[in-house]
C-alpha cells in the first residue's frame, strides 16, 4: 500500500469520523504491483452509511477536498453503493484493503 496512507492513517481516520464514513478502503494500483509512486493516483472507496441525501453531498465533497489536501495527490473517492457494474464491483472487492472502519 502507498506509504503516505500509512503515514496519514490517523488523520484519514479523523476525516472519516468527521464526515460520517463507516468504512474506507483503498483499491486499484495502490494495492497492486503496478503502483508507480508519484505517478499513480489513489482510489478510495467510502461507505457513508445511512445519511440524509443533502448531508451526503456535503460529506462527500468535504471529504474529497480534505483528503486531496491531506494526501497532496489526486485521487478518486468512490461511494461504495454507487458501483453498479458487477464486474467492476467484483474487481474492487477482490483487491481492496481497509483503511478505516467505525
N, C-alpha and C. Protein backbone atom coordinates (compact mmCIF):
# COMPACT_ATOMS: atom_id res chain seq x y z
N UNK A 1 0.85 -1.18 0.00
CA UNK A 1 0.00 0.00 0.00
C UNK A 1 0.89 1.24 0.00
N UNK A 2 0.40 2.28 -0.58
CA UNK A 2 1.16 3.52 -0.71
C UNK A 2 1.60 4.00 0.68
N UNK A 3 2.87 4.38 0.76
CA UNK A 3 3.47 4.82 2.02
C UNK A 3 2.69 5.94 2.69
N UNK A 4 2.21 6.90 1.93
CA UNK A 4 1.52 8.05 2.51
C UNK A 4 0.26 7.63 3.27
N UNK A 5 -0.38 6.56 2.83
CA UNK A 5 -1.58 6.10 3.53
C UNK A 5 -1.23 5.59 4.92
N UNK A 6 -0.07 4.96 5.05
CA UNK A 6 0.38 4.51 6.37
C UNK A 6 0.73 5.71 7.24
N UNK A 7 1.43 6.65 6.66
CA UNK A 7 1.86 7.84 7.41
C UNK A 7 0.68 8.68 7.89
N UNK A 8 -0.36 8.75 7.10
CA UNK A 8 -1.50 9.62 7.39
C UNK A 8 -2.73 8.87 7.90
N UNK A 9 -2.55 7.64 8.32
CA UNK A 9 -3.68 6.78 8.71
C UNK A 9 -4.56 7.41 9.79
N UNK A 10 -3.96 7.99 10.81
CA UNK A 10 -4.74 8.60 11.89
C UNK A 10 -5.52 9.83 11.40
N UNK A 11 -4.90 10.63 10.56
CA UNK A 11 -5.58 11.81 10.01
C UNK A 11 -6.73 11.38 9.09
N UNK A 12 -6.52 10.32 8.33
CA UNK A 12 -7.59 9.79 7.47
C UNK A 12 -8.75 9.32 8.33
N UNK A 13 -8.45 8.62 9.42
CA UNK A 13 -9.49 8.14 10.34
C UNK A 13 -10.28 9.32 10.92
N UNK A 14 -9.57 10.40 11.28
CA UNK A 14 -10.24 11.58 11.82
C UNK A 14 -11.19 12.19 10.79
N UNK A 15 -10.77 12.24 9.54
CA UNK A 15 -11.65 12.76 8.48
C UNK A 15 -12.86 11.85 8.29
N UNK A 16 -12.65 10.56 8.35
CA UNK A 16 -13.76 9.62 8.20
C UNK A 16 -14.79 9.84 9.31
N UNK A 17 -14.32 10.01 10.53
CA UNK A 17 -15.24 10.28 11.65
C UNK A 17 -15.97 11.61 11.43
N UNK A 18 -15.24 12.63 11.00
CA UNK A 18 -15.82 13.96 10.78
C UNK A 18 -16.96 13.93 9.76
N UNK A 19 -16.80 13.12 8.71
CA UNK A 19 -17.78 13.11 7.63
C UNK A 19 -18.72 11.90 7.66
N UNK A 20 -18.70 11.14 8.73
CA UNK A 20 -19.66 10.05 8.89
C UNK A 20 -19.39 8.81 8.07
N UNK A 21 -18.14 8.61 7.69
CA UNK A 21 -17.77 7.41 6.93
C UNK A 21 -17.73 6.22 7.89
N UNK A 22 -18.38 5.12 7.51
CA UNK A 22 -18.35 3.94 8.36
C UNK A 22 -17.25 2.96 7.96
N UNK A 23 -16.79 3.08 6.71
CA UNK A 23 -15.69 2.24 6.25
C UNK A 23 -15.04 2.90 5.05
N UNK A 24 -13.70 2.82 4.99
CA UNK A 24 -12.96 3.31 3.83
C UNK A 24 -11.91 2.28 3.45
N UNK A 25 -11.83 2.02 2.15
CA UNK A 25 -10.86 1.09 1.60
C UNK A 25 -10.05 1.77 0.51
N UNK A 26 -8.88 1.26 0.26
CA UNK A 26 -8.08 1.66 -0.88
C UNK A 26 -8.14 0.51 -1.88
N UNK A 27 -8.17 0.85 -3.16
CA UNK A 27 -8.19 -0.19 -4.20
C UNK A 27 -7.44 0.33 -5.41
N UNK A 28 -7.32 -0.48 -6.42
CA UNK A 28 -6.66 -0.06 -7.65
C UNK A 28 -5.15 -0.24 -7.59
N UNK A 29 -4.45 0.59 -8.34
CA UNK A 29 -3.00 0.43 -8.48
C UNK A 29 -2.26 0.57 -7.16
N UNK A 30 -2.82 1.29 -6.20
CA UNK A 30 -2.15 1.47 -4.90
C UNK A 30 -1.99 0.16 -4.14
N UNK A 31 -2.82 -0.82 -4.44
CA UNK A 31 -2.71 -2.11 -3.75
C UNK A 31 -2.24 -3.24 -4.67
N UNK A 32 -1.96 -2.89 -5.90
CA UNK A 32 -1.45 -3.88 -6.85
C UNK A 32 0.03 -3.63 -7.09
N UNK A 33 0.64 -4.51 -7.83
CA UNK A 33 2.06 -4.41 -8.14
C UNK A 33 2.38 -3.30 -9.14
N UNK A 34 1.38 -2.73 -9.78
CA UNK A 34 1.65 -1.72 -10.80
C UNK A 34 1.59 -0.28 -10.28
N UNK A 35 1.66 -0.10 -8.96
CA UNK A 35 1.68 1.24 -8.39
C UNK A 35 2.99 1.93 -8.77
N UNK A 36 2.85 3.16 -9.28
CA UNK A 36 4.03 3.97 -9.63
C UNK A 36 4.02 5.18 -8.72
N UNK A 37 4.84 5.12 -7.68
CA UNK A 37 4.87 6.20 -6.70
C UNK A 37 5.09 7.54 -7.39
N UNK A 38 4.24 8.49 -7.05
CA UNK A 38 4.34 9.82 -7.64
C UNK A 38 3.60 9.97 -8.95
N UNK A 39 3.21 8.86 -9.57
CA UNK A 39 2.50 8.92 -10.84
C UNK A 39 1.07 8.41 -10.74
N UNK A 40 0.87 7.37 -9.95
CA UNK A 40 -0.46 6.79 -9.81
C UNK A 40 -1.31 7.62 -8.85
N UNK A 41 -2.59 7.71 -9.15
CA UNK A 41 -3.48 8.37 -8.20
C UNK A 41 -3.98 7.35 -7.19
N UNK A 42 -4.66 7.83 -6.17
CA UNK A 42 -5.21 6.94 -5.15
C UNK A 42 -6.69 6.74 -5.43
N UNK A 43 -7.11 5.51 -5.33
CA UNK A 43 -8.52 5.17 -5.49
C UNK A 43 -9.05 4.74 -4.13
N UNK A 44 -9.99 5.51 -3.61
CA UNK A 44 -10.54 5.23 -2.29
C UNK A 44 -12.03 4.94 -2.39
N UNK A 45 -12.47 3.98 -1.62
CA UNK A 45 -13.86 3.54 -1.60
C UNK A 45 -14.43 3.89 -0.23
N UNK A 46 -15.51 4.65 -0.20
CA UNK A 46 -16.09 5.09 1.07
C UNK A 46 -17.53 4.62 1.21
N UNK A 47 -17.85 4.15 2.40
CA UNK A 47 -19.22 3.80 2.75
C UNK A 47 -19.67 4.83 3.78
N UNK A 48 -20.59 5.68 3.40
CA UNK A 48 -21.08 6.75 4.25
C UNK A 48 -22.25 6.31 5.14
N UNK A 49 -22.62 5.06 5.07
CA UNK A 49 -23.73 4.59 5.89
C UNK A 49 -25.03 5.21 5.43
N UNK A 50 -25.93 5.38 6.37
CA UNK A 50 -27.26 5.89 6.07
C UNK A 50 -27.33 7.36 6.45
N UNK A 51 -27.04 8.23 5.47
CA UNK A 51 -27.08 9.67 5.71
C UNK A 51 -28.18 10.31 4.86
N UNK A 52 -28.69 11.41 5.34
CA UNK A 52 -29.62 12.21 4.58
C UNK A 52 -28.95 12.61 3.27
N UNK A 53 -29.66 12.55 2.13
CA UNK A 53 -29.04 12.87 0.84
C UNK A 53 -28.34 14.22 0.78
N UNK A 54 -28.91 15.24 1.39
CA UNK A 54 -28.26 16.56 1.37
C UNK A 54 -26.99 16.56 2.22
N UNK A 55 -27.01 15.90 3.35
CA UNK A 55 -25.81 15.77 4.18
C UNK A 55 -24.75 14.95 3.45
N UNK A 56 -25.19 13.94 2.72
CA UNK A 56 -24.26 13.08 2.00
C UNK A 56 -23.48 13.86 0.94
N UNK A 57 -24.14 14.76 0.25
CA UNK A 57 -23.45 15.59 -0.76
C UNK A 57 -22.35 16.41 -0.10
N UNK A 58 -22.69 17.08 1.00
CA UNK A 58 -21.69 17.87 1.71
C UNK A 58 -20.56 16.99 2.25
N UNK A 59 -20.92 15.83 2.79
CA UNK A 59 -19.91 14.92 3.34
C UNK A 59 -18.96 14.43 2.25
N UNK A 60 -19.52 14.04 1.11
CA UNK A 60 -18.69 13.52 0.02
C UNK A 60 -17.68 14.56 -0.45
N UNK A 61 -18.17 15.75 -0.80
CA UNK A 61 -17.27 16.76 -1.34
C UNK A 61 -16.32 17.33 -0.29
N UNK A 62 -16.78 17.43 0.94
CA UNK A 62 -15.90 17.87 2.02
C UNK A 62 -14.77 16.88 2.24
N UNK A 63 -15.11 15.60 2.29
CA UNK A 63 -14.10 14.56 2.48
C UNK A 63 -13.13 14.53 1.31
N UNK A 64 -13.65 14.60 0.10
CA UNK A 64 -12.80 14.58 -1.09
C UNK A 64 -11.78 15.72 -1.05
N UNK A 65 -12.26 16.93 -0.78
CA UNK A 65 -11.36 18.09 -0.72
C UNK A 65 -10.30 17.92 0.36
N UNK A 66 -10.72 17.48 1.54
CA UNK A 66 -9.76 17.36 2.64
C UNK A 66 -8.77 16.21 2.42
N UNK A 67 -9.21 15.13 1.81
CA UNK A 67 -8.29 14.03 1.50
C UNK A 67 -7.24 14.46 0.49
N UNK A 68 -7.68 15.17 -0.54
CA UNK A 68 -6.72 15.64 -1.56
C UNK A 68 -5.70 16.59 -0.94
N UNK A 69 -6.13 17.45 -0.04
CA UNK A 69 -5.20 18.36 0.63
C UNK A 69 -4.27 17.59 1.57
N UNK A 70 -4.81 16.68 2.34
CA UNK A 70 -4.02 15.90 3.28
C UNK A 70 -2.98 15.04 2.58
N UNK A 71 -3.39 14.37 1.52
CA UNK A 71 -2.51 13.42 0.84
C UNK A 71 -1.69 14.08 -0.25
N UNK A 72 -2.00 15.33 -0.58
CA UNK A 72 -1.28 16.10 -1.58
C UNK A 72 -1.14 15.32 -2.89
N UNK A 73 -2.24 14.74 -3.31
CA UNK A 73 -2.24 13.97 -4.55
C UNK A 73 -3.66 13.94 -5.11
N UNK A 74 -3.74 13.68 -6.39
CA UNK A 74 -5.05 13.46 -6.99
C UNK A 74 -5.54 12.08 -6.58
N UNK A 75 -6.80 11.99 -6.46
CA UNK A 75 -7.37 10.71 -6.11
C UNK A 75 -8.84 10.68 -6.44
N UNK A 76 -9.36 9.48 -6.48
CA UNK A 76 -10.78 9.28 -6.74
C UNK A 76 -11.42 8.75 -5.47
N UNK A 77 -12.54 9.33 -5.12
CA UNK A 77 -13.32 8.86 -3.98
C UNK A 77 -14.62 8.31 -4.54
N UNK A 78 -14.79 7.02 -4.38
CA UNK A 78 -15.95 6.32 -4.92
C UNK A 78 -16.85 5.91 -3.75
N UNK A 79 -18.13 6.23 -3.86
CA UNK A 79 -19.07 5.77 -2.84
C UNK A 79 -19.41 4.32 -3.12
N UNK A 80 -19.31 3.49 -2.10
CA UNK A 80 -19.47 2.05 -2.29
C UNK A 80 -20.82 1.67 -2.89
N UNK A 81 -21.87 2.37 -2.55
CA UNK A 81 -23.18 2.00 -3.09
C UNK A 81 -23.43 2.56 -4.49
N UNK A 82 -22.48 3.29 -5.04
CA UNK A 82 -22.63 3.85 -6.39
C UNK A 82 -22.12 2.91 -7.48
N UNK A 83 -21.46 1.84 -7.10
CA UNK A 83 -20.89 0.91 -8.08
C UNK A 83 -21.97 -0.08 -8.51
N UNK A 84 -22.41 0.07 -9.73
CA UNK A 84 -23.50 -0.77 -10.24
C UNK A 84 -23.00 -1.91 -11.13
N UNK A 85 -21.86 -1.70 -11.80
CA UNK A 85 -21.33 -2.73 -12.69
C UNK A 85 -20.77 -3.89 -11.86
N UNK A 86 -21.30 -5.08 -12.05
CA UNK A 86 -20.89 -6.21 -11.22
C UNK A 86 -19.45 -6.63 -11.44
N UNK A 87 -18.91 -6.41 -12.63
CA UNK A 87 -17.52 -6.78 -12.90
C UNK A 87 -16.56 -5.81 -12.20
N UNK A 88 -16.89 -4.54 -12.25
CA UNK A 88 -16.07 -3.55 -11.55
C UNK A 88 -16.15 -3.78 -10.05
N UNK A 89 -17.36 -4.02 -9.55
CA UNK A 89 -17.54 -4.29 -8.12
C UNK A 89 -16.73 -5.52 -7.70
N UNK A 90 -16.76 -6.56 -8.50
CA UNK A 90 -16.01 -7.79 -8.16
C UNK A 90 -14.51 -7.52 -8.11
N UNK A 91 -14.00 -6.73 -9.05
CA UNK A 91 -12.57 -6.42 -9.06
C UNK A 91 -12.19 -5.57 -7.84
N UNK A 92 -13.01 -4.61 -7.51
CA UNK A 92 -12.74 -3.79 -6.32
C UNK A 92 -12.79 -4.66 -5.07
N UNK A 93 -13.79 -5.50 -4.95
CA UNK A 93 -13.91 -6.38 -3.78
C UNK A 93 -12.71 -7.31 -3.66
N UNK A 94 -12.20 -7.76 -4.79
CA UNK A 94 -11.07 -8.69 -4.79
C UNK A 94 -9.78 -8.04 -4.31
N UNK A 95 -9.60 -6.75 -4.60
CA UNK A 95 -8.31 -6.14 -4.33
C UNK A 95 -8.31 -5.12 -3.19
N UNK A 96 -9.46 -4.71 -2.71
CA UNK A 96 -9.49 -3.61 -1.74
C UNK A 96 -8.81 -4.00 -0.42
N UNK A 97 -8.28 -2.96 0.23
CA UNK A 97 -7.68 -3.12 1.56
C UNK A 97 -8.24 -2.03 2.46
N UNK A 98 -8.66 -2.43 3.65
CA UNK A 98 -9.31 -1.49 4.56
C UNK A 98 -8.33 -0.47 5.12
N UNK A 99 -8.77 0.78 5.12
CA UNK A 99 -8.03 1.86 5.76
C UNK A 99 -8.67 2.27 7.07
N UNK A 100 -10.00 2.21 7.13
CA UNK A 100 -10.74 2.68 8.30
C UNK A 100 -12.06 1.93 8.43
N UNK A 101 -12.43 1.64 9.65
CA UNK A 101 -13.77 1.12 9.93
C UNK A 101 -14.22 1.69 11.27
N UNK A 102 -15.46 2.16 11.31
CA UNK A 102 -16.00 2.76 12.53
C UNK A 102 -16.26 1.69 13.57
